């Protein structure tokens, strides 16, 4: 069964780091400082399609916020779609 952003169990903090098995996580977000950015990264479902000038074709596509959780033990960074 494939997961959709709505069914992804990632809206909650991860319990165990897949890298070191640590259990202490700090929530944050991934900053986007690109031209005309809103300051945070978003996830767009589907394969990357290039537009006329080589950038990602995003028009009309759904966007979802990304939450980042960093392991306090080893620094492993896990990214999760947080909803709509």
N, C-alpha and C. Protein backbone atom coordinates (compact mmCIF):
# COMPACT_ATOMS: atom_id res chain seq x y z
N UNK A 1 0.84 -1.17 0.00
CA UNK A 1 0.00 0.00 0.00
C UNK A 1 0.89 1.24 0.00
N UNK A 2 0.68 2.16 -0.91
CA UNK A 2 1.49 3.37 -0.92
C UNK A 2 0.89 4.39 0.03
N UNK A 3 1.77 5.20 0.60
CA UNK A 3 1.32 6.20 1.55
C UNK A 3 1.08 7.52 0.85
N UNK A 4 0.05 8.21 1.26
CA UNK A 4 -0.21 9.55 0.77
C UNK A 4 0.20 10.51 1.88
N UNK A 5 0.35 11.80 1.58
CA UNK A 5 0.72 12.73 2.65
C UNK A 5 -0.24 12.69 3.83
N UNK A 6 -1.52 12.45 3.57
CA UNK A 6 -2.49 12.40 4.65
C UNK A 6 -2.33 11.16 5.52
N UNK A 7 -1.80 10.06 4.96
CA UNK A 7 -1.69 8.82 5.73
C UNK A 7 -0.29 8.57 6.29
N UNK A 8 0.66 9.44 5.96
CA UNK A 8 2.02 9.27 6.43
C UNK A 8 2.07 9.43 7.94
N UNK A 9 2.66 8.48 8.67
CA UNK A 9 2.68 8.57 10.12
C UNK A 9 3.70 9.57 10.63
N UNK A 10 4.15 10.49 9.78
CA UNK A 10 5.24 11.38 10.13
C UNK A 10 4.82 12.66 10.83
N UNK A 11 3.54 12.91 10.96
CA UNK A 11 3.11 14.14 11.61
C UNK A 11 3.52 14.14 13.08
N UNK A 12 3.81 12.97 13.60
CA UNK A 12 4.29 12.88 14.97
C UNK A 12 5.79 12.73 14.97
N UNK A 13 6.41 13.05 16.07
CA UNK A 13 7.87 12.96 16.19
C UNK A 13 8.31 11.51 16.07
N UNK A 14 9.42 11.25 15.33
CA UNK A 14 9.90 9.87 15.23
C UNK A 14 10.31 9.34 16.60
N UNK A 15 10.15 8.08 16.82
CA UNK A 15 10.43 7.47 18.13
C UNK A 15 11.87 7.00 18.27
N UNK A 16 12.42 6.39 17.20
CA UNK A 16 13.76 5.82 17.27
C UNK A 16 14.53 6.21 16.00
N UNK A 17 15.75 6.71 16.18
CA UNK A 17 16.58 7.08 15.04
C UNK A 17 16.97 5.82 14.26
N UNK A 18 16.74 5.80 12.93
CA UNK A 18 17.12 4.63 12.15
C UNK A 18 18.63 4.48 11.99
N UNK A 19 19.38 5.52 12.33
CA UNK A 19 20.83 5.47 12.18
C UNK A 19 21.53 4.96 13.45
N UNK A 20 21.15 5.52 14.62
CA UNK A 20 21.87 5.17 15.86
C UNK A 20 20.96 4.63 16.96
N UNK A 21 19.67 4.55 16.71
CA UNK A 21 18.67 4.10 17.67
C UNK A 21 18.48 5.09 18.84
N UNK A 22 18.90 6.34 18.66
CA UNK A 22 18.65 7.37 19.67
C UNK A 22 17.16 7.67 19.75
N UNK A 23 16.72 8.23 20.85
CA UNK A 23 15.30 8.51 21.04
C UNK A 23 14.99 9.98 21.32
N UNK A 24 15.98 10.83 21.28
CA UNK A 24 15.78 12.25 21.53
C UNK A 24 15.83 13.01 20.20
N UNK A 25 14.71 13.65 19.82
CA UNK A 25 14.64 14.39 18.57
C UNK A 25 14.24 15.83 18.82
N UNK A 26 14.75 16.71 17.97
CA UNK A 26 14.45 18.13 18.03
C UNK A 26 13.74 18.50 16.72
N UNK A 27 12.56 19.11 16.82
CA UNK A 27 11.80 19.48 15.63
C UNK A 27 12.32 20.79 15.04
N UNK A 28 12.26 20.91 13.73
CA UNK A 28 12.66 22.13 13.03
C UNK A 28 12.08 22.13 11.63
N UNK A 29 12.67 22.92 10.72
CA UNK A 29 12.23 22.92 9.33
C UNK A 29 13.42 23.21 8.44
N UNK A 30 13.26 22.94 7.14
CA UNK A 30 14.31 23.17 6.17
C UNK A 30 14.06 24.53 5.52
N UNK A 31 15.03 25.42 5.60
CA UNK A 31 14.88 26.76 5.05
C UNK A 31 15.13 26.76 3.55
N UNK A 32 14.36 27.54 2.82
CA UNK A 32 14.56 27.73 1.40
C UNK A 32 14.85 29.20 1.18
N UNK A 33 16.07 29.51 0.73
CA UNK A 33 16.45 30.90 0.53
C UNK A 33 16.56 31.25 -0.95
N UNK A 34 15.92 30.46 -1.79
CA UNK A 34 15.95 30.73 -3.22
C UNK A 34 15.20 32.00 -3.58
N UNK A 35 15.40 32.45 -4.78
CA UNK A 35 14.75 33.66 -5.25
C UNK A 35 13.23 33.50 -5.18
N UNK A 36 12.54 34.47 -4.62
CA UNK A 36 11.08 34.49 -4.46
C UNK A 36 10.58 33.36 -3.55
N UNK A 37 11.44 32.85 -2.68
CA UNK A 37 11.02 31.78 -1.78
C UNK A 37 10.19 32.34 -0.64
N UNK A 38 9.47 31.47 0.05
CA UNK A 38 8.68 31.86 1.22
C UNK A 38 9.43 31.56 2.50
N UNK A 39 10.67 31.08 2.39
CA UNK A 39 11.49 30.84 3.56
C UNK A 39 11.47 29.42 4.09
N UNK A 40 10.65 28.56 3.53
CA UNK A 40 10.61 27.16 3.98
C UNK A 40 10.40 26.26 2.77
N UNK A 41 10.88 25.05 2.86
CA UNK A 41 10.77 24.09 1.76
C UNK A 41 9.41 23.39 1.82
N UNK A 42 8.95 22.95 0.67
CA UNK A 42 7.71 22.19 0.58
C UNK A 42 7.93 20.97 -0.31
N UNK A 43 7.10 19.95 -0.11
CA UNK A 43 7.18 18.72 -0.90
C UNK A 43 6.05 18.73 -1.91
N UNK A 44 6.37 18.33 -3.16
CA UNK A 44 5.38 18.24 -4.22
C UNK A 44 5.37 16.80 -4.71
N UNK A 45 4.22 16.12 -4.64
CA UNK A 45 4.18 14.73 -5.07
C UNK A 45 4.37 14.58 -6.58
N UNK A 46 4.87 13.43 -6.98
CA UNK A 46 5.06 13.13 -8.40
C UNK A 46 6.50 13.33 -8.83
N UNK A 47 6.83 12.84 -10.01
CA UNK A 47 8.20 12.97 -10.52
C UNK A 47 8.51 14.42 -10.88
N UNK A 48 9.78 14.76 -10.84
CA UNK A 48 10.23 16.10 -11.23
C UNK A 48 10.04 16.28 -12.73
N UNK A 49 9.33 17.32 -13.10
CA UNK A 49 9.16 17.67 -14.50
C UNK A 49 9.80 19.03 -14.71
N UNK A 50 10.53 19.18 -15.79
CA UNK A 50 11.22 20.44 -16.09
C UNK A 50 10.32 21.35 -16.91
N UNK A 51 10.35 22.63 -16.57
CA UNK A 51 9.60 23.63 -17.32
C UNK A 51 10.39 24.12 -18.52
N UNK A 52 9.87 25.12 -19.18
CA UNK A 52 10.45 25.67 -20.39
C UNK A 52 11.89 26.16 -20.20
N UNK A 53 12.19 26.74 -19.04
CA UNK A 53 13.52 27.29 -18.78
C UNK A 53 14.39 26.39 -17.90
N UNK A 54 13.99 25.13 -17.71
CA UNK A 54 14.80 24.17 -16.99
C UNK A 54 14.48 24.01 -15.51
N UNK A 55 13.68 24.92 -14.95
CA UNK A 55 13.29 24.80 -13.55
C UNK A 55 12.19 23.77 -13.38
N UNK A 56 11.87 23.47 -12.14
CA UNK A 56 10.81 22.50 -11.86
C UNK A 56 9.46 23.07 -12.26
N UNK A 57 8.67 22.28 -12.96
CA UNK A 57 7.30 22.67 -13.33
C UNK A 57 6.42 22.44 -12.11
N UNK A 58 5.93 23.51 -11.49
CA UNK A 58 5.15 23.41 -10.26
C UNK A 58 3.73 23.91 -10.38
N UNK A 59 3.41 24.59 -11.45
CA UNK A 59 2.11 25.23 -11.59
C UNK A 59 0.96 24.22 -11.46
N UNK A 60 0.01 24.53 -10.59
CA UNK A 60 -1.16 23.68 -10.41
C UNK A 60 -0.95 22.44 -9.58
N UNK A 61 0.24 22.26 -9.02
CA UNK A 61 0.52 21.06 -8.22
C UNK A 61 0.32 21.35 -6.74
N UNK A 62 -0.16 20.36 -6.02
CA UNK A 62 -0.34 20.45 -4.57
C UNK A 62 1.02 20.55 -3.89
N UNK A 63 1.12 21.35 -2.83
CA UNK A 63 2.36 21.49 -2.07
C UNK A 63 2.07 21.18 -0.61
N UNK A 64 3.03 20.53 0.05
CA UNK A 64 2.88 20.15 1.45
C UNK A 64 4.07 20.64 2.26
N UNK A 65 3.84 21.18 3.46
CA UNK A 65 4.96 21.61 4.32
C UNK A 65 5.81 20.42 4.74
N UNK A 66 7.08 20.70 5.01
CA UNK A 66 8.02 19.67 5.46
C UNK A 66 8.47 20.01 6.88
N UNK A 67 8.41 19.02 7.77
CA UNK A 67 8.98 19.16 9.11
C UNK A 67 10.27 18.36 9.13
N UNK A 68 11.25 18.87 9.84
CA UNK A 68 12.54 18.19 9.97
C UNK A 68 12.75 17.83 11.43
N UNK A 69 13.15 16.61 11.69
CA UNK A 69 13.45 16.15 13.04
C UNK A 69 14.90 15.70 13.09
N UNK A 70 15.69 16.29 13.98
CA UNK A 70 17.11 15.98 14.09
C UNK A 70 17.36 15.15 15.33
N UNK A 71 18.08 14.04 15.15
CA UNK A 71 18.43 13.17 16.28
C UNK A 71 19.42 13.91 17.17
N UNK A 72 19.12 13.99 18.46
CA UNK A 72 20.00 14.66 19.41
C UNK A 72 21.26 13.88 19.70
N UNK A 73 21.28 12.61 19.33
CA UNK A 73 22.45 11.76 19.61
C UNK A 73 23.47 11.80 18.47
N UNK A 74 23.00 11.63 17.20
CA UNK A 74 23.95 11.53 16.09
C UNK A 74 23.77 12.61 15.03
N UNK A 75 22.69 13.39 15.11
CA UNK A 75 22.46 14.44 14.14
C UNK A 75 21.71 14.01 12.89
N UNK A 76 21.31 12.74 12.80
CA UNK A 76 20.55 12.26 11.65
C UNK A 76 19.33 13.15 11.45
N UNK A 77 19.05 13.54 10.21
CA UNK A 77 17.94 14.41 9.91
C UNK A 77 16.88 13.64 9.15
N UNK A 78 15.66 13.61 9.71
CA UNK A 78 14.53 12.93 9.06
C UNK A 78 13.53 14.00 8.63
N UNK A 79 13.10 13.94 7.39
CA UNK A 79 12.14 14.90 6.86
C UNK A 79 10.77 14.24 6.70
N UNK A 80 9.72 14.97 7.07
CA UNK A 80 8.37 14.44 7.02
C UNK A 80 7.41 15.46 6.43
N UNK A 81 6.46 15.01 5.64
CA UNK A 81 5.37 15.86 5.19
C UNK A 81 4.43 16.00 6.38
N UNK A 82 4.02 17.25 6.67
CA UNK A 82 3.23 17.48 7.88
C UNK A 82 1.74 17.69 7.64
N UNK A 83 1.27 17.67 6.44
CA UNK A 83 -0.15 17.87 6.18
C UNK A 83 -0.35 18.77 5.00
N UNK A 84 -1.52 19.44 4.94
CA UNK A 84 -1.76 20.31 3.79
C UNK A 84 -1.80 21.75 4.13
